[in-house]
Amino acid sequence: MKGIILAGGTGTRLYPITEGISKQLMPIYDKPMIFYPLSTLMLAEIRDILVITTPEDQEGFQRLLKDGSHFGIHVSYAVQESPRGLADAFIVGEDFIGNDSCSMILGDNIFYGDGFIKKLQNARYNAASNNITTIFGREVKDPERFGIMELDEDKNVLSVEEKPEYPKSNYAITGLYFYPKGVSSYAKLVKPSKRGEIEITTLNEMYLKENRLKAELLGGGFTWFDTGTDESLYDSISMIRSIQNNQARVICCPEEIAYNNSWIDEKQLEERVHLINKNNYGKYLKKVLDRR
């Protein structure tokens, strides 16, 4: 399975901050924002990852993530010349995806909660083995701000709708998706919406009509942030800081995931510890190294 992080866009809701830096390169407490979606894909055991950025920001991501080998993965890059919609990522990444199944996560989405790895495994299996698309849903208080999934009493998806004026449910569609092979061909069939975008909601409707759309719901104890506003950015930083200080662990640490999965060895982790040795993040990596 391939993985895509969509880290494009102009971040206008965070101006003036993002006039000089990509939103996904901004810090969420002790690490760059993009480390969170990167870790999600790594937790799903996806090691071949494409980062889609703007022409202006690509160099910054390359400087940070390089080829991914220090995380035991392979990272490549592509440019989305203009924000043409989320589903456009599968067109931009068509050659990268090839004939594989693919997961896409938005570069400003943070997920944290018990049982997440199991949900990721289920979604990956359904895409790769059962030819089924999975979207992740979370109950929200302001559903009109999001794409929404309507569910029946058995939690089957009845409909999906983009930012409806009168939402049919309170379940928002988060920025994490798993698709079976052939998703690029489907994305090419999506006609631009009134706002000129290749809408991912339209893409998901295509799978729904074929009875190939499944929902994974994130329960009340689960945290999801779309860090695209000042408020959500601050809330996410506060949450990450609180949890890490209380639990003495680092949330979404790519080096730890890679080391636990034996994707990098002790020497490679030692190199990261040597590089990052003047802050708590580096001290945590040293603890990870010492646990074995």
Protein backbone atom coordinates (compact mmCIF):
# COMPACT_ATOMS: atom_id res chain seq x y z
CA MET A 1 0.00 0.00 0.00
CA LYS A 2 1.14 3.54 -0.82
CA GLY A 3 0.60 6.61 1.31
CA ILE A 4 0.03 10.27 0.41
CA ILE A 5 0.32 13.31 2.65
CA LEU A 6 -1.43 16.29 1.09
CA ALA A 7 0.50 19.28 2.39
CA GLY A 8 -0.41 21.90 -0.18
CA GLY A 9 -2.65 24.91 0.05
CA THR A 10 -1.87 28.45 1.14
CA GLY A 11 -3.03 28.31 4.76
CA THR A 12 -4.94 31.57 4.45
CA ARG A 13 -6.93 30.92 7.64
CA LEU A 14 -3.65 31.21 9.54
CA TYR A 15 -2.38 34.41 7.90
CA PRO A 16 -0.13 36.28 8.64
CA ILE A 17 1.78 33.31 10.13
CA THR A 18 1.60 31.21 6.97
CA GLU A 19 2.63 34.03 4.65
CA GLY A 20 6.20 32.99 5.38
CA ILE A 21 6.01 29.27 6.15
CA SER A 22 3.94 26.27 5.13
CA LYS A 23 1.30 25.42 7.70
CA GLN A 24 2.46 21.80 7.80
CA LEU A 25 5.99 22.86 8.75
CA MET A 26 4.79 24.83 11.76
CA PRO A 27 5.42 23.33 15.22
CA ILE A 28 2.75 21.46 17.15
CA TYR A 29 4.41 21.63 20.55
CA ASP A 30 7.71 19.75 20.09
CA LYS A 31 7.65 18.62 16.48
CA PRO A 32 6.63 19.83 12.99
CA MET A 33 2.96 19.43 12.17
CA ILE A 34 3.71 17.00 9.32
CA PHE A 35 5.22 14.49 11.79
CA TYR A 36 1.67 13.71 12.98
CA PRO A 37 0.16 12.57 9.65
CA LEU A 38 3.48 10.93 8.78
CA SER A 39 3.27 8.91 11.99
CA THR A 40 -0.31 7.90 11.21
CA LEU A 41 0.75 6.38 7.89
CA MET A 42 3.70 4.68 9.57
CA LEU A 43 1.38 3.22 12.24
CA ALA A 44 -0.58 1.73 9.32
CA GLU A 45 2.73 0.12 8.26
CA ILE A 46 2.93 2.22 5.11
CA ARG A 47 6.56 2.85 4.15
CA ASP A 48 6.31 4.33 0.64
CA ILE A 49 5.00 7.87 1.05
CA LEU A 50 4.45 10.79 -1.33
CA VAL A 51 4.34 14.32 0.07
CA ILE A 52 2.37 16.67 -2.18
CA THR A 53 3.26 20.32 -1.63
CA THR A 54 3.19 23.71 -3.32
CA PRO A 55 6.09 24.76 -5.57
CA GLU A 56 7.19 27.32 -2.98
CA ASP A 57 7.22 24.92 -0.03
CA GLN A 58 8.66 21.73 -1.50
CA GLU A 59 12.25 22.58 -0.59
CA GLY A 60 11.34 23.02 3.08
CA PHE A 61 9.74 19.56 3.26
CA GLN A 62 12.69 18.00 1.46
CA ARG A 63 15.08 19.62 3.92
CA LEU A 64 13.08 18.25 6.87
CA LEU A 65 12.13 14.75 5.70
CA LYS A 66 14.85 14.12 3.11
CA ASP A 67 14.36 10.67 1.52
CA GLY A 68 12.81 9.27 4.71
CA SER A 69 15.58 6.73 5.31
CA HIS A 70 16.24 8.04 8.84
CA PHE A 71 12.65 6.95 9.58
CA GLY A 72 13.05 3.63 7.78
CA ILE A 73 10.70 4.69 5.00
CA HIS A 74 10.91 6.11 1.48
CA VAL A 75 9.62 9.64 0.96
CA SER A 76 9.17 11.22 -2.46
CA TYR A 77 7.68 14.54 -3.48
CA ALA A 78 5.26 16.01 -5.98
CA VAL A 79 3.86 19.48 -6.59
CA GLN A 80 0.22 20.54 -6.74
CA GLU A 81 0.47 23.72 -8.77
CA SER A 82 -2.79 25.11 -7.41
CA PRO A 83 -5.31 23.93 -4.78
CA ARG A 84 -7.63 21.94 -7.08
CA GLY A 85 -9.31 19.89 -4.37
CA LEU A 86 -8.40 16.93 -2.18
CA ALA A 87 -9.17 14.25 -4.74
CA ASP A 88 -6.73 15.91 -7.14
CA ALA A 89 -3.99 14.33 -5.01
CA PHE A 90 -4.74 10.99 -6.65
CA ILE A 91 -4.29 12.53 -10.08
CA VAL A 92 -1.05 14.27 -9.11
CA GLY A 93 0.13 11.02 -7.52
CA GLU A 94 -1.09 8.64 -10.22
CA ASP A 95 2.36 7.40 -11.26
CA PHE A 96 3.40 7.03 -7.63
CA ILE A 97 0.31 4.98 -6.73
CA GLY A 98 0.51 2.76 -9.79
CA ASN A 99 -1.65 -0.33 -9.33
CA ASP A 100 -1.53 -0.27 -5.53
CA SER A 101 -4.10 0.59 -2.91
CA CYS A 102 -3.51 3.95 -1.28
CA SER A 103 -4.13 5.88 1.91
CA MET A 104 -4.25 9.65 1.96
CA ILE A 105 -4.07 11.90 5.00
CA LEU A 106 -4.26 15.67 5.15
CA GLY A 107 -1.10 17.30 6.40
CA ASP A 108 -2.88 19.28 9.11
CA ASN A 109 -4.79 16.40 10.72
CA ILE A 110 -3.82 14.97 14.12
CA PHE A 111 -5.25 11.69 15.45
CA TYR A 112 -4.77 10.25 18.91
CA GLY A 113 -6.65 7.60 20.87
CA ASP A 114 -6.79 4.02 22.07
CA GLY A 115 -7.37 1.35 19.45
CA PHE A 116 -6.24 3.55 16.57
CA ILE A 117 -3.73 1.04 15.19
CA LYS A 118 -6.44 -1.62 14.98
CA LYS A 119 -8.68 0.74 13.04
CA LEU A 120 -5.82 1.53 10.67
CA GLN A 121 -5.17 -2.18 10.16
CA ASN A 122 -8.84 -2.79 9.38
CA ALA A 123 -8.92 0.03 6.84
CA ARG A 124 -5.73 -1.13 5.20
CA TYR A 125 -6.96 -4.72 4.93
CA ASN A 126 -10.31 -3.65 3.48
CA ALA A 127 -8.64 -1.53 0.82
CA ALA A 128 -5.96 -4.04 -0.14
CA SER A 129 -7.93 -7.28 0.16
CA ASN A 130 -11.65 -6.45 -0.05
CA ASN A 131 -11.60 -3.60 -2.58
CA ILE A 132 -13.39 -1.31 -0.10
CA THR A 133 -12.83 2.38 0.67
CA THR A 134 -12.75 3.49 4.31
CA ILE A 135 -13.45 6.98 5.62
CA PHE A 136 -12.94 7.93 9.27
CA GLY A 137 -15.72 9.71 11.13
CA ARG A 138 -15.78 11.72 14.35
CA GLU A 139 -18.80 13.29 16.05
CA VAL A 140 -18.52 17.10 16.16
CA LYS A 141 -20.59 19.99 17.53
CA ASP A 142 -20.45 22.06 14.31
CA PRO A 143 -21.06 19.58 11.46
CA GLU A 144 -21.89 22.32 8.94
CA ARG A 145 -18.13 23.08 8.80
CA PHE A 146 -17.20 19.62 7.52
CA GLY A 147 -17.94 16.92 5.04
CA ILE A 148 -20.61 14.80 6.72
CA MET A 149 -21.49 11.10 6.64
CA GLU A 150 -25.06 9.97 7.22
CA LEU A 151 -25.27 6.57 8.93
CA ASP A 152 -28.02 4.05 9.56
CA GLU A 153 -28.57 2.35 12.94
CA ASP A 154 -25.92 -0.26 12.04
CA LYS A 155 -23.40 2.49 11.22
CA ASN A 156 -23.54 1.84 7.48
CA VAL A 157 -22.90 4.89 5.30
CA LEU A 158 -26.11 6.16 3.68
CA SER A 159 -24.80 9.40 2.20
CA VAL A 160 -21.89 11.83 2.22
CA GLU A 161 -22.23 15.57 1.79
CA GLU A 162 -19.78 18.48 1.73
CA LYS A 163 -20.41 21.24 4.33
CA PRO A 164 -24.22 20.98 4.23
CA GLU A 165 -26.38 23.84 5.47
CA TYR A 166 -28.61 21.30 7.20
CA PRO A 167 -26.41 18.32 8.20
CA LYS A 168 -28.01 14.89 8.31
CA SER A 169 -25.73 13.83 11.16
CA ASN A 170 -23.03 15.12 13.48
CA TYR A 171 -20.38 12.76 12.09
CA ALA A 172 -17.66 14.70 10.32
CA ILE A 173 -15.48 13.01 7.72
CA THR A 174 -11.91 13.43 8.90
CA GLY A 175 -8.89 13.90 6.68
CA LEU A 176 -7.88 10.22 6.56
CA TYR A 177 -8.90 7.90 3.74
CA PHE A 178 -8.04 4.40 2.50
CA TYR A 179 -8.76 3.47 -1.13
CA PRO A 180 -8.39 0.27 -3.14
CA LYS A 181 -6.35 0.14 -6.31
CA GLY A 182 -7.66 2.20 -9.20
CA VAL A 183 -8.44 5.34 -7.18
CA SER A 184 -6.62 7.59 -9.66
CA SER A 185 -8.91 6.43 -12.47
CA TYR A 186 -11.94 7.23 -10.32
CA ALA A 187 -10.54 10.66 -9.41
CA LYS A 188 -10.17 11.51 -13.10
CA LEU A 189 -13.92 10.97 -13.53
CA VAL A 190 -14.79 13.60 -10.91
CA LYS A 191 -16.02 16.79 -12.54
CA PRO A 192 -14.91 20.05 -10.89
CA SER A 193 -17.45 21.51 -8.50
CA LYS A 194 -18.83 25.04 -8.62
CA ARG A 195 -15.75 26.21 -6.75
CA GLY A 196 -13.55 24.54 -9.37
CA GLU A 197 -12.28 21.70 -7.18
CA ILE A 198 -12.01 17.95 -7.59
CA GLU A 199 -14.08 17.18 -4.48
CA ILE A 200 -13.24 14.15 -2.41
CA THR A 201 -16.88 13.94 -1.34
CA THR A 202 -17.82 13.29 -4.97
CA LEU A 203 -15.13 10.62 -5.18
CA ASN A 204 -16.49 8.94 -2.06
CA GLU A 205 -20.02 9.04 -3.48
CA MET A 206 -18.79 6.97 -6.41
CA TYR A 207 -17.65 4.21 -4.07
CA LEU A 208 -20.86 4.53 -2.04
CA LYS A 209 -22.96 3.92 -5.15
CA GLU A 210 -20.99 0.71 -5.69
CA ASN A 211 -21.52 -0.35 -2.06
CA ARG A 212 -17.78 -0.08 -1.48
CA LEU A 213 -17.67 2.67 1.16
CA LYS A 214 -17.16 1.85 4.84
CA ALA A 215 -16.90 4.09 7.92
CA GLU A 216 -14.52 3.72 10.84
CA LEU A 217 -15.88 5.79 13.72
CA LEU A 218 -13.63 7.41 16.30
CA GLY A 219 -15.27 7.28 19.72
CA GLY A 220 -15.67 9.87 22.44
CA GLY A 221 -12.29 9.13 23.99
CA PHE A 222 -10.56 9.81 20.72
CA THR A 223 -8.98 13.12 19.74
CA TRP A 224 -8.96 14.52 16.23
CA PHE A 225 -7.72 17.97 15.27
CA ASP A 226 -7.96 19.75 11.94
CA THR A 227 -5.33 22.37 12.78
CA GLY A 228 -6.35 24.90 10.16
CA THR A 229 -7.46 27.73 12.47
CA ASP A 230 -5.83 29.70 15.28
CA GLU A 231 -8.12 28.08 17.85
CA SER A 232 -7.59 24.48 16.74
CA LEU A 233 -3.85 25.07 16.43
CA TYR A 234 -3.66 26.31 20.01
CA ASP A 235 -5.96 23.54 21.28
CA SER A 236 -3.85 20.84 19.64
CA ILE A 237 -0.62 22.22 21.09
CA SER A 238 -2.18 22.37 24.57
CA MET A 239 -3.47 18.80 24.30
CA ILE A 240 -0.18 17.35 23.05
CA ARG A 241 1.77 19.16 25.76
CA SER A 242 -0.61 18.00 28.49
CA ILE A 243 -0.66 14.34 27.43
CA GLN A 244 3.09 14.11 26.90
CA ASN A 245 3.90 15.73 30.23
CA ASN A 246 1.42 13.53 32.10
CA GLN A 247 2.40 10.28 30.42
CA ALA A 248 6.12 10.93 29.93
CA ARG A 249 5.93 9.90 26.29
CA VAL A 250 5.97 11.54 22.88
CA ILE A 251 2.89 11.34 20.68
CA CYS A 252 3.55 10.62 16.99
CA CYS A 253 7.29 10.08 17.14
CA PRO A 254 8.40 8.70 13.73
CA GLU A 255 11.77 7.53 15.06
CA GLU A 256 10.11 5.48 17.80
CA ILE A 257 7.63 3.90 15.37
CA ALA A 258 10.45 3.02 12.98
CA TYR A 259 12.62 1.57 15.73
CA ASN A 260 9.79 -0.49 17.24
CA ASN A 261 9.00 -1.87 13.78
CA SER A 262 12.71 -2.69 13.18
CA TRP A 263 12.75 -0.33 10.20
CA ILE A 264 15.82 1.39 11.65
CA ASP A 265 18.52 -0.13 13.85
CA GLU A 266 20.25 1.10 16.99
CA LYS A 267 22.95 2.89 15.05
CA GLN A 268 20.42 4.89 13.04
CA LEU A 269 18.49 5.84 16.16
CA GLU A 270 21.74 6.81 17.88
CA GLU A 271 22.44 9.17 14.99
CA ARG A 272 19.08 10.88 15.57
CA VAL A 273 19.77 11.08 19.32
CA HIS A 274 23.13 12.71 18.59
CA LEU A 275 21.48 15.22 16.26
CA ILE A 276 18.58 16.02 18.59
CA ASN A 277 20.22 16.02 22.02
CA LYS A 278 19.44 19.43 23.48
CA ASN A 279 15.70 19.14 24.16
CA ASN A 280 13.09 16.81 25.59
CA TYR A 281 12.39 15.22 22.20
CA GLY A 282 16.00 14.09 21.96
CA LYS A 283 15.99 12.90 25.57
CA TYR A 284 12.91 10.81 24.80
CA LEU A 285 14.65 9.20 21.82
CA LYS A 286 17.51 8.30 24.17
CA LYS A 287 15.00 6.58 26.48
CA VAL A 288 13.58 4.66 23.51
CA LEU A 289 17.09 3.53 22.64
CA ASP A 290 17.83 2.50 26.23
CA ARG A 291 14.65 0.41 26.55
CA ARG A 292 16.11 -2.36 24.39
